[in-house]
Amino acid sequence: MKGKALFIINPISGGKKKEGVPDLIEKHLDAKALTPVIVFSDSVSHARQIAKDAVNKFGTVVAVGGDGTVNEIASAIVGTDTKLGIVPFGSGNGLSRFLHIPMDPVKAIQTLSAGHVEVIDSATLNGRPFFNMAGMGFDAHIAEVFSHDKKRGFITYIKSSFEEINKYKPEFYQLEIDGKLYEREAFMLSFANSSQYGNDAHISPHASVQDGLLDVCVIKQFPLWRFPEMGIRMVTKTADKTKYVEIIRGKHIHIKRIGPGPVHLDGEPRVEGAEVTVEIVPASLNVITGADYKKTS
């Protein structure tokens, strides 16, 4: 049965112009499968409100943007029957890449017409949803720095990382994961639903969005000269083979740190207190995946 799809376009995500996206949608979306309605968001949280209003009116809501846009829209429809579609236009596109959604916008739009739907897990950090990756420590610090940079994109992110890495000091964390206590000094903590941050940088190569678990990645302080090696390991999906990365899987995670500080949810920074609770929400989001995505558990 033919359905309606609401396309929500973030005009500034990834620093990429999107004036031509409506024409691409009209030209390449299979009109026999979906009838498109197209809107542009105009401020932070606007996309979430648009998506919230679309529940029960549209069978599919499509995020045209990066991981932050996907987070906003998915947060509004998680736990409902509404399907999430994604046309990647961000700087990292972590969840899109994990789900094998094409990075080419034309191919991504055509993928929506095929309608290959999977039900995936989501997660929350202090009650706020995320879908790909959340974290604290160095990557949260960089997300905060990156958010203030006028130039977006992978090169800018790497540049920011190199500029900040010498200044950043590891923190001490107490972690309770499914009732078991751990104490770790860490450069950063990543809570991985999918395997990667974005740009095919895989911190937890065996993570699955359909196993009902989060991978708690404890990244320990490593010598600066090993920074390129860590990058290569993430691209080659071997980050879990180094002594600087420890992965603990769990459903309920409670973290205590020295004081309040930055965290990120799908790359979007915010400040949280000294105690943080992270929980998996199994099988809670319907999403249209790429044709090559294979269910994992």
C-alpha atoms as a PDB file:
ATOM      1  CA  MET A   1       0.000   0.000   0.000  1.00  0.00           C
ATOM      2  CA  LYS A   2       1.295   3.430  -0.950  1.00  0.00           C
ATOM      3  CA  GLY A   3       2.234   5.631   2.003  1.00  0.00           C
ATOM      4  CA  LYS A   4       3.237   9.178   2.796  1.00  0.00           C
ATOM      5  CA  ALA A   5       6.779  10.124   3.739  1.00  0.00           C
ATOM      6  CA  LEU A   6       7.705  13.361   5.480  1.00  0.00           C
ATOM      7  CA  PHE A   7      11.213  14.544   4.570  1.00  0.00           C
ATOM      8  CA  ILE A   8      12.741  16.860   7.188  1.00  0.00           C
ATOM      9  CA  ILE A   9      15.810  18.639   5.809  1.00  0.00           C
ATOM     10  CA  ASN A  10      18.391  20.226   8.095  1.00  0.00           C
ATOM     11  CA  PRO A  11      19.793  23.009   5.876  1.00  0.00           C
ATOM     12  CA  ILE A  12      23.118  23.338   7.760  1.00  0.00           C
ATOM     13  CA  SER A  13      24.135  19.782   8.733  1.00  0.00           C
ATOM     14  CA  GLY A  14      27.634  18.792   7.668  1.00  0.00           C
ATOM     15  CA  GLY A  15      28.201  22.210   6.115  1.00  0.00           C
ATOM     16  CA  LYS A  16      26.616  20.910   2.904  1.00  0.00           C
ATOM     17  CA  LYS A  17      24.143  22.853   0.795  1.00  0.00           C
ATOM     18  CA  LYS A  18      20.769  21.192   0.320  1.00  0.00           C
ATOM     19  CA  GLU A  19      18.773  23.566  -1.873  1.00  0.00           C
ATOM     20  CA  GLY A  20      18.655  20.912  -4.587  1.00  0.00           C
ATOM     21  CA  VAL A  21      17.506  18.064  -2.340  1.00  0.00           C
ATOM     22  CA  PRO A  22      13.741  18.567  -2.944  1.00  0.00           C
ATOM     23  CA  ASP A  23      14.315  18.188  -6.693  1.00  0.00           C
ATOM     24  CA  LEU A  24      16.314  15.005  -6.071  1.00  0.00           C
ATOM     25  CA  ILE A  25      13.475  13.610  -3.959  1.00  0.00           C
ATOM     26  CA  GLU A  26      10.859  14.403  -6.579  1.00  0.00           C
ATOM     27  CA  LYS A  27      12.998  12.884  -9.321  1.00  0.00           C
ATOM     28  CA  HIS A  28      14.331   9.718  -7.657  1.00  0.00           C
ATOM     29  CA  LEU A  29      11.735   8.636  -5.080  1.00  0.00           C
ATOM     30  CA  ASP A  30       9.456   5.918  -6.436  1.00  0.00           C
ATOM     31  CA  ALA A  31       6.084   7.683  -6.541  1.00  0.00           C
ATOM     32  CA  LYS A  32       4.334   4.319  -6.591  1.00  0.00           C
ATOM     33  CA  ALA A  33       5.803   3.476  -3.184  1.00  0.00           C
ATOM     34  CA  LEU A  34       5.812   6.795  -1.322  1.00  0.00           C
ATOM     35  CA  THR A  35       4.257  10.229  -1.623  1.00  0.00           C
ATOM     36  CA  PRO A  36       6.766  12.829  -0.372  1.00  0.00           C
ATOM     37  CA  VAL A  37       6.071  15.900   1.727  1.00  0.00           C
ATOM     38  CA  ILE A  38       9.149  18.102   2.219  1.00  0.00           C
ATOM     39  CA  VAL A  39       9.930  20.604   4.991  1.00  0.00           C
ATOM     40  CA  PHE A  40      13.078  22.411   6.171  1.00  0.00           C
ATOM     41  CA  SER A  41      13.934  22.720   9.870  1.00  0.00           C
ATOM     42  CA  ASP A  42      15.017  26.188  10.964  1.00  0.00           C
ATOM     43  CA  SER A  43      16.447  25.865  14.475  1.00  0.00           C
ATOM     44  CA  VAL A  44      17.756  23.471  17.109  1.00  0.00           C
ATOM     45  CA  SER A  45      15.010  21.029  18.185  1.00  0.00           C
ATOM     46  CA  HIS A  46      12.720  22.187  15.359  1.00  0.00           C
ATOM     47  CA  ALA A  47      13.170  18.899  13.487  1.00  0.00           C
ATOM     48  CA  ARG A  48      12.156  16.981  16.620  1.00  0.00           C
ATOM     49  CA  GLN A  49       8.929  18.959  16.954  1.00  0.00           C
ATOM     50  CA  ILE A  50       8.085  18.491  13.275  1.00  0.00           C
ATOM     51  CA  ALA A  51       8.671  14.741  13.590  1.00  0.00           C
ATOM     52  CA  LYS A  52       6.629  14.537  16.779  1.00  0.00           C
ATOM     53  CA  ASP A  53       3.695  16.184  15.023  1.00  0.00           C
ATOM     54  CA  ALA A  54       4.079  13.721  12.117  1.00  0.00           C
ATOM     55  CA  VAL A  55       3.490  10.581  14.201  1.00  0.00           C
ATOM     56  CA  ASN A  56       0.170   8.963  13.199  1.00  0.00           C
ATOM     57  CA  LYS A  57       0.033  11.208  10.116  1.00  0.00           C
ATOM     58  CA  PHE A  58       2.965   9.765   8.168  1.00  0.00           C
ATOM     59  CA  GLY A  59       4.105   6.166   7.946  1.00  0.00           C
ATOM     60  CA  THR A  60       7.688   7.276   7.345  1.00  0.00           C
ATOM     61  CA  VAL A  61       9.672  10.287   8.544  1.00  0.00           C
ATOM     62  CA  VAL A  62      12.982  10.867   6.758  1.00  0.00           C
ATOM     63  CA  ALA A  63      15.946  12.681   8.311  1.00  0.00           C
ATOM     64  CA  VAL A  64      17.978  14.542   5.706  1.00  0.00           C
ATOM     65  CA  GLY A  65      21.112  15.470   7.609  1.00  0.00           C
ATOM     66  CA  GLY A  66      23.780  14.028   9.895  1.00  0.00           C
ATOM     67  CA  ASP A  67      23.772  12.059  13.132  1.00  0.00           C
ATOM     68  CA  GLY A  68      22.461  15.050  15.097  1.00  0.00           C
ATOM     69  CA  THR A  69      19.479  15.430  12.777  1.00  0.00           C
ATOM     70  CA  VAL A  70      18.861  11.681  12.919  1.00  0.00           C
ATOM     71  CA  ASN A  71      18.916  11.884  16.725  1.00  0.00           C
ATOM     72  CA  GLU A  72      16.391  14.736  16.808  1.00  0.00           C
ATOM     73  CA  ILE A  73      13.938  12.990  14.505  1.00  0.00           C
ATOM     74  CA  ALA A  74      14.390   9.475  15.871  1.00  0.00           C
ATOM     75  CA  SER A  75      13.900  10.811  19.421  1.00  0.00           C
ATOM     76  CA  ALA A  76      10.424  11.970  18.399  1.00  0.00           C
ATOM     77  CA  ILE A  77       9.305   8.687  16.812  1.00  0.00           C
ATOM     78  CA  VAL A  78      11.110   6.043  18.925  1.00  0.00           C
ATOM     79  CA  GLY A  79       8.633   3.627  20.469  1.00  0.00           C
ATOM     80  CA  THR A  80       6.016   4.246  17.768  1.00  0.00           C
ATOM     81  CA  ASP A  81       5.117   2.392  14.556  1.00  0.00           C
ATOM     82  CA  THR A  82       6.482   5.254  12.441  1.00  0.00           C
ATOM     83  CA  LYS A  83       9.484   4.281  10.312  1.00  0.00           C
ATOM     84  CA  LEU A  84      12.691   6.301  10.212  1.00  0.00           C
ATOM     85  CA  GLY A  85      14.337   6.920   6.864  1.00  0.00           C
ATOM     86  CA  ILE A  86      17.734   8.557   6.449  1.00  0.00           C
ATOM     87  CA  VAL A  87      19.342  10.507   3.623  1.00  0.00           C
ATOM     88  CA  PRO A  88      22.870  11.093   4.999  1.00  0.00           C
ATOM     89  CA  PHE A  89      24.187  14.654   4.773  1.00  0.00           C
ATOM     90  CA  GLY A  90      26.363  14.949   7.867  1.00  0.00           C
ATOM     91  CA  SER A  91      30.074  14.989   8.607  1.00  0.00           C
ATOM     92  CA  GLY A  92      30.192  11.474  10.108  1.00  0.00           C
ATOM     93  CA  ASN A  93      26.930   9.627   9.335  1.00  0.00           C
ATOM     94  CA  GLY A  94      27.742   6.852  11.805  1.00  0.00           C
ATOM     95  CA  LEU A  95      24.361   5.130  12.041  1.00  0.00           C
ATOM     96  CA  SER A  96      23.749   5.458   8.301  1.00  0.00           C
ATOM     97  CA  ARG A  97      27.054   3.805   7.469  1.00  0.00           C
ATOM     98  CA  PHE A  98      26.432   1.004   9.965  1.00  0.00           C
ATOM     99  CA  LEU A  99      23.023   0.325   8.400  1.00  0.00           C
ATOM    100  CA  HIS A 100      24.550   0.310   4.899  1.00  0.00           C
ATOM    101  CA  ILE A 101      22.541   3.316   3.767  1.00  0.00           C
ATOM    102  CA  PRO A 102      24.280   4.771   0.684  1.00  0.00           C
ATOM    103  CA  MET A 103      26.201   8.006   1.192  1.00  0.00           C
ATOM    104  CA  ASP A 104      25.155   9.162  -2.274  1.00  0.00           C
ATOM    105  CA  PRO A 105      21.860  11.079  -1.790  1.00  0.00           C
ATOM    106  CA  VAL A 106      20.298   9.757  -4.992  1.00  0.00           C
ATOM    107  CA  LYS A 107      20.979   6.137  -4.011  1.00  0.00           C
ATOM    108  CA  ALA A 108      19.804   6.818  -0.447  1.00  0.00           C
ATOM    109  CA  ILE A 109      16.502   8.204  -1.764  1.00  0.00           C
ATOM    110  CA  GLN A 110      16.076   5.169  -4.008  1.00  0.00           C
ATOM    111  CA  THR A 111      16.755   2.916  -1.008  1.00  0.00           C
ATOM    112  CA  LEU A 112      13.761   4.461   0.781  1.00  0.00           C
ATOM    113  CA  SER A 113      11.480   3.253  -2.001  1.00  0.00           C
ATOM    114  CA  ALA A 114      12.632  -0.343  -1.479  1.00  0.00           C
ATOM    115  CA  GLY A 115      11.528  -0.096   2.162  1.00  0.00           C
ATOM    116  CA  HIS A 116      13.784  -2.695   3.804  1.00  0.00           C
ATOM    117  CA  VAL A 117      12.745  -2.189   7.450  1.00  0.00           C
ATOM    118  CA  GLU A 118      14.517  -3.474  10.552  1.00  0.00           C
ATOM    119  CA  VAL A 119      13.654  -2.934  14.222  1.00  0.00           C
ATOM    120  CA  ILE A 120      16.721  -1.726  16.110  1.00  0.00           C
ATOM    121  CA  ASP A 121      17.643  -0.882  19.678  1.00  0.00           C
ATOM    122  CA  SER A 122      17.931   2.645  21.007  1.00  0.00           C
ATOM    123  CA  ALA A 123      19.442   3.826  24.273  1.00  0.00           C
ATOM    124  CA  THR A 124      19.173   6.641  26.777  1.00  0.00           C
ATOM    125  CA  LEU A 125      21.686   8.729  28.714  1.00  0.00           C
ATOM    126  CA  ASN A 126      20.051  10.302  31.760  1.00  0.00           C
ATOM    127  CA  GLY A 127      16.745   9.753  29.989  1.00  0.00           C
ATOM    128  CA  ARG A 128      17.758  11.381  26.694  1.00  0.00           C
ATOM    129  CA  PRO A 129      17.710   9.091  23.646  1.00  0.00           C
ATOM    130  CA  PHE A 130      20.629   8.218  21.417  1.00  0.00           C
ATOM    131  CA  PHE A 131      20.816   5.713  18.603  1.00  0.00           C
ATOM    132  CA  ASN A 132      24.392   5.327  17.423  1.00  0.00           C
ATOM    133  CA  MET A 133      26.940   6.391  20.034  1.00  0.00           C
ATOM    134  CA  ALA A 134      27.181   8.408  23.229  1.00  0.00           C
ATOM    135  CA  GLY A 135      30.222   9.171  25.289  1.00  0.00           C
ATOM    136  CA  MET A 136      32.151  11.178  27.830  1.00  0.00           C
ATOM    137  CA  GLY A 137      35.759  12.171  28.151  1.00  0.00           C
ATOM    138  CA  PHE A 138      37.874  13.277  25.210  1.00  0.00           C
ATOM    139  CA  ASP A 139      35.333  12.663  22.434  1.00  0.00           C
ATOM    140  CA  ALA A 140      32.677  14.624  24.346  1.00  0.00           C
ATOM    141  CA  HIS A 141      35.202  17.433  24.821  1.00  0.00           C
ATOM    142  CA  ILE A 142      35.957  17.417  21.084  1.00  0.00           C
ATOM    143  CA  ALA A 143      32.237  17.373  20.233  1.00  0.00           C
ATOM    144  CA  GLU A 144      31.870  20.543  22.290  1.00  0.00           C
ATOM    145  CA  VAL A 145      34.847  22.211  20.573  1.00  0.00           C
ATOM    146  CA  PHE A 146      33.679  21.027  17.136  1.00  0.00           C
ATOM    147  CA  SER A 147      30.173  22.408  17.681  1.00  0.00           C
ATOM    148  CA  HIS A 148      31.576  25.941  17.844  1.00  0.00           C
ATOM    149  CA  ASP A 149      33.657  25.642  14.666  1.00  0.00           C
ATOM    150  CA  LYS A 150      32.179  27.377  11.629  1.00  0.00           C
ATOM    151  CA  LYS A 151      33.756  24.804   9.308  1.00  0.00           C
ATOM    152  CA  ARG A 152      32.289  21.307   9.616  1.00  0.00           C
ATOM    153  CA  GLY A 153      33.470  18.002   8.208  1.00  0.00           C
ATOM    154  CA  PHE A 154      35.916  15.182   8.899  1.00  0.00           C
ATOM    155  CA  ILE A 155      39.083  17.251   8.317  1.00  0.00           C
ATOM    156  CA  THR A 156      37.937  19.894  10.808  1.00  0.00           C
ATOM    157  CA  TYR A 157      37.171  17.180  13.357  1.00  0.00           C
ATOM    158  CA  ILE A 158      40.633  15.638  12.981  1.00  0.00           C
ATOM    159  CA  LYS A 159      42.258  19.079  13.199  1.00  0.00           C
ATOM    160  CA  SER A 160      40.380  19.821  16.436  1.00  0.00           C
ATOM    161  CA  SER A 161      41.415  16.451  17.861  1.00  0.00           C
ATOM    162  CA  PHE A 162      45.109  17.061  17.197  1.00  0.00           C
ATOM    163  CA  GLU A 163      44.909  20.545  18.696  1.00  0.00           C
ATOM    164  CA  GLU A 164      43.232  19.337  21.907  1.00  0.00           C
ATOM    165  CA  ILE A 165      44.776  15.940  22.548  1.00  0.00           C
ATOM    166  CA  ASN A 166      47.914  17.268  24.283  1.00  0.00           C
ATOM    167  CA  LYS A 167      45.837  19.389  26.666  1.00  0.00           C
ATOM    168  CA  TYR A 168      43.374  16.709  27.720  1.00  0.00           C
ATOM    169  CA  LYS A 169      43.910  14.632  30.878  1.00  0.00           C
ATOM    170  CA  PRO A 170      42.245  11.254  31.569  1.00  0.00           C
ATOM    171  CA  GLU A 171      39.558  11.005  34.250  1.00  0.00           C
ATOM    172  CA  PHE A 172      38.744   8.457  36.948  1.00  0.00           C
ATOM    173  CA  TYR A 173      35.411   6.654  36.589  1.00  0.00           C
ATOM    174  CA  GLN A 174      33.424   4.233  38.724  1.00  0.00           C
ATOM    175  CA  LEU A 175      31.228   2.078  36.522  1.00  0.00           C
ATOM    176  CA  GLU A 176      28.426  -0.236  37.555  1.00  0.00           C
ATOM    177  CA  ILE A 177      27.462  -2.436  34.598  1.00  0.00           C
ATOM    178  CA  ASP A 178      24.551  -4.805  35.210  1.00  0.00           C
ATOM    179  CA  GLY A 179      25.383  -4.822  38.913  1.00  0.00           C
ATOM    180  CA  LYS A 180      29.132  -5.438  38.566  1.00  0.00           C
ATOM    181  CA  LEU A 181      31.542  -2.708  39.704  1.00  0.00           C
ATOM    182  CA  TYR A 182      34.573  -1.506  37.736  1.00  0.00           C
ATOM    183  CA  GLU A 183      37.043   1.301  38.465  1.00  0.00           C
ATOM    184  CA  ARG A 184      38.921   2.729  35.511  1.00  0.00           C
ATOM    185  CA  GLU A 185      41.063   5.708  34.611  1.00  0.00           C
ATOM    186  CA  ALA A 186      40.082   6.469  31.040  1.00  0.00           C
ATOM    187  CA  PHE A 187      40.857   8.871  28.246  1.00  0.00           C
ATOM    188  CA  MET A 188      37.238   8.490  27.213  1.00  0.00           C
ATOM    189  CA  LEU A 189      34.192   6.242  27.549  1.00  0.00           C
ATOM    190  CA  SER A 190      32.031   5.386  24.546  1.00  0.00           C
ATOM    191  CA  PHE A 191      28.630   3.732  24.760  1.00  0.00           C
ATOM    192  CA  ALA A 192      28.281   1.981  21.427  1.00  0.00           C
ATOM    193  CA  ASN A 193      24.972   0.857  19.989  1.00  0.00           C
ATOM    194  CA  SER A 194      26.503   0.546  16.524  1.00  0.00           C
ATOM    195  CA  SER A 195      30.159  -0.228  15.942  1.00  0.00           C
ATOM    196  CA  GLN A 196      31.340   3.176  14.743  1.00  0.00           C
ATOM    197  CA  TYR A 197      31.579   6.872  15.494  1.00  0.00           C
ATOM    198  CA  GLY A 198      31.198   7.782  11.818  1.00  0.00           C
ATOM    199  CA  ASN A 199      33.415   7.947   8.738  1.00  0.00           C
ATOM    200  CA  ASP A 200      33.901   4.168   9.136  1.00  0.00           C
ATOM    201  CA  ALA A 201      35.898   4.623  12.366  1.00  0.00           C
ATOM    202  CA  HIS A 202      34.890   1.483  14.295  1.00  0.00           C
ATOM    203  CA  ILE A 203      35.614   1.563  18.028  1.00  0.00           C
ATOM    204  CA  SER A 204      33.634  -1.612  18.814  1.00  0.00           C
ATOM    205  CA  PRO A 205      33.763  -3.818  15.702  1.00  0.00           C
ATOM    206  CA  HIS A 206      31.345  -6.460  16.967  1.00  0.00           C
ATOM    207  CA  ALA A 207      28.626  -4.139  18.282  1.00  0.00           C
ATOM    208  CA  SER A 208      25.086  -4.766  17.094  1.00  0.00           C
ATOM    209  CA  VAL A 209      22.022  -2.511  17.091  1.00  0.00           C
ATOM    210  CA  GLN A 210      19.849  -5.613  17.515  1.00  0.00           C
ATOM    211  CA  ASP A 211      21.397  -7.545  20.415  1.00  0.00           C
ATOM    212  CA  GLY A 212      19.750  -5.731  23.330  1.00  0.00           C
ATOM    213  CA  LEU A 213      23.163  -4.656  24.663  1.00  0.00           C
ATOM    214  CA  LEU A 214      25.441  -1.640  24.686  1.00  0.00           C
ATOM    215  CA  ASP A 215      29.197  -1.967  24.271  1.00  0.00           C
ATOM    216  CA  VAL A 216      30.901   0.122  26.948  1.00  0.00           C
ATOM    217  CA  CYS A 217      34.249   1.028  25.381  1.00  0.00           C
ATOM    218  CA  VAL A 218      36.887   2.094  27.886  1.00  0.00           C
ATOM    219  CA  ILE A 219      39.612   3.884  25.933  1.00  0.00           C
ATOM    220  CA  LYS A 220      42.734   4.230  28.060  1.00  0.00           C
ATOM    221  CA  GLN A 221      45.397   6.925  27.782  1.00  0.00           C
ATOM    222  CA  PHE A 222      47.803   6.061  24.969  1.00  0.00           C
ATOM    223  CA  PRO A 223      51.053   7.713  23.815  1.00  0.00           C
ATOM    224  CA  LEU A 224      50.523  10.488  21.285  1.00  0.00           C
ATOM    225  CA  TRP A 225      52.799   8.751  18.801  1.00  0.00           C
ATOM    226  CA  ARG A 226      50.255   5.888  18.690  1.00  0.00           C
ATOM    227  CA  PHE A 227      47.432   8.198  17.634  1.00  0.00           C
ATOM    228  CA  PRO A 228      47.812   7.282  13.914  1.00  0.00           C
ATOM    229  CA  GLU A 229      47.860   3.590  14.846  1.00  0.00           C
ATOM    230  CA  MET A 230      44.592   3.961  16.768  1.00  0.00           C
ATOM    231  CA  GLY A 231      43.062   5.624  13.716  1.00  0.00           C
ATOM    232  CA  ILE A 232      44.199   2.781  11.471  1.00  0.00           C
ATOM    233  CA  ARG A 233      42.863   0.198  13.923  1.00  0.00           C
ATOM    234  CA  MET A 234      39.427   1.831  13.878  1.00  0.00           C
ATOM    235  CA  VAL A 235      39.310   1.876  10.080  1.00  0.00           C
ATOM    236  CA  THR A 236      40.470  -1.762   9.893  1.00  0.00           C
ATOM    237  CA  LYS A 237      38.039  -2.846  12.630  1.00  0.00           C
ATOM    238  CA  THR A 238      40.778  -3.995  15.029  1.00  0.00           C
ATOM    239  CA  ALA A 239      40.434  -1.386  17.800  1.00  0.00           C
ATOM    240  CA  ASP A 240      39.344  -4.131  20.207  1.00  0.00           C
ATOM    241  CA  LYS A 241      42.681  -5.915  19.704  1.00  0.00           C
ATOM    242  CA  THR A 242      44.789  -3.222  21.374  1.00  0.00           C
ATOM    243  CA  LYS A 243      45.531  -3.072  25.104  1.00  0.00           C
ATOM    244  CA  TYR A 244      44.271   0.519  25.138  1.00  0.00           C
ATOM    245  CA  VAL A 245      40.648  -0.488  24.457  1.00  0.00           C
ATOM    246  CA  GLU A 246      38.496  -2.553  26.835  1.00  0.00           C
ATOM    247  CA  ILE A 247      34.926  -3.474  25.897  1.00  0.00           C
ATOM    248  CA  ILE A 248      32.324  -4.487  28.480  1.00  0.00           C
ATOM    249  CA  ARG A 249      28.799  -5.302  27.304  1.00  0.00           C
ATOM    250  CA  GLY A 250      25.728  -4.539  29.371  1.00  0.00           C
ATOM    251  CA  LYS A 251      22.179  -3.235  29.598  1.00  0.00           C
ATOM    252  CA  HIS A 252      22.233  -0.933  32.602  1.00  0.00           C
ATOM    253  CA  ILE A 253      25.259   1.304  33.141  1.00  0.00           C
ATOM    254  CA  HIS A 254      25.776   3.780  35.969  1.00  0.00           C
ATOM    255  CA  ILE A 255      28.847   6.012  35.967  1.00  0.00           C
ATOM    256  CA  LYS A 256      30.295   8.197  38.705  1.00  0.00           C
ATOM    257  CA  ARG A 257      33.015  10.739  37.930  1.00  0.00           C
ATOM    258  CA  ILE A 258      34.671  13.535  39.888  1.00  0.00           C
ATOM    259  CA  GLY A 259      32.250  16.256  38.805  1.00  0.00           C
ATOM    260  CA  PRO A 260      29.936  17.551  36.074  1.00  0.00           C
ATOM    261  CA  GLY A 261      31.277  17.655  32.532  1.00  0.00           C
ATOM    262  CA  PRO A 262      30.513  17.265  28.847  1.00  0.00           C
ATOM    263  CA  VAL A 263      28.878  14.238  27.295  1.00  0.00           C
ATOM    264  CA  HIS A 264      27.697  13.705  23.753  1.00  0.00           C
ATOM    265  CA  LEU A 265      24.690  11.934  22.302  1.00  0.00           C
ATOM    266  CA  ASP A 266      25.208  10.990  18.649  1.00  0.00           C
ATOM    267  CA  GLY A 267      27.878  13.668  18.460  1.00  0.00           C
ATOM    268  CA  GLU A 268      25.760  16.459  19.934  1.00  0.00           C
ATOM    269  CA  PRO A 269      27.356  17.876  23.114  1.00  0.00           C
ATOM    270  CA  ARG A 270      25.719  18.769  26.391  1.00  0.00           C
ATOM    271  CA  VAL A 271      26.732  18.973  30.054  1.00  0.00           C
ATOM    272  CA  GLU A 272      25.629  16.387  32.620  1.00  0.00           C
ATOM    273  CA  GLY A 273      26.347  15.917  36.316  1.00  0.00           C
ATOM    274  CA  ALA A 274      28.863  13.729  38.097  1.00  0.00           C
ATOM    275  CA  GLU A 275      26.541  10.693  37.888  1.00  0.00           C
ATOM    276  CA  VAL A 276      25.283   9.401  34.566  1.00  0.00           C
ATOM    277  CA  THR A 277      22.940   6.504  33.815  1.00  0.00           C
ATOM    278  CA  VAL A 278      22.953   4.818  30.410  1.00  0.00           C
ATOM    279  CA  GLU A 279      20.408   2.154  29.451  1.00  0.00           C
ATOM    280  CA  ILE A 280      19.541   0.122  26.379  1.00  0.00           C
ATOM    281  CA  VAL A 281      15.971   0.187  25.029  1.00  0.00           C
ATOM    282  CA  PRO A 282      15.674  -2.993  22.962  1.00  0.00           C
ATOM    283  CA  ALA A 283      13.761  -3.199  19.661  1.00  0.00           C
ATOM    284  CA  SER A 284      12.364   0.328  19.891  1.00  0.00           C
ATOM    285  CA  LEU A 285      12.900   1.977  16.498  1.00  0.00           C
ATOM    286  CA  ASN A 286      11.737   0.986  13.014  1.00  0.00           C
ATOM    287  CA  VAL A 287      14.308   2.090  10.455  1.00  0.00           C
ATOM    288  CA  ILE A 288      14.717   1.700   6.699  1.00  0.00           C
ATOM    289  CA  THR A 289      18.162   0.196   6.112  1.00  0.00           C
ATOM    290  CA  GLY A 290      20.320  -0.263   3.056  1.00  0.00           C
ATOM    291  CA  ALA A 291      19.789  -3.342   0.933  1.00  0.00           C
ATOM    292  CA  ASP A 292      23.137  -4.843   2.032  1.00  0.00           C
ATOM    293  CA  TYR A 293      22.456  -4.569   5.766  1.00  0.00           C
ATOM    294  CA  LYS A 294      22.302  -7.949   7.478  1.00  0.00           C
ATOM    295  CA  LYS A 295      20.603  -8.415  10.826  1.00  0.00           C
ATOM    296  CA  THR A 296      23.051  -9.143  13.640  1.00  0.00           C
ATOM    297  CA  SER A 297      22.539 -10.224  17.225  1.00  0.00           C
END
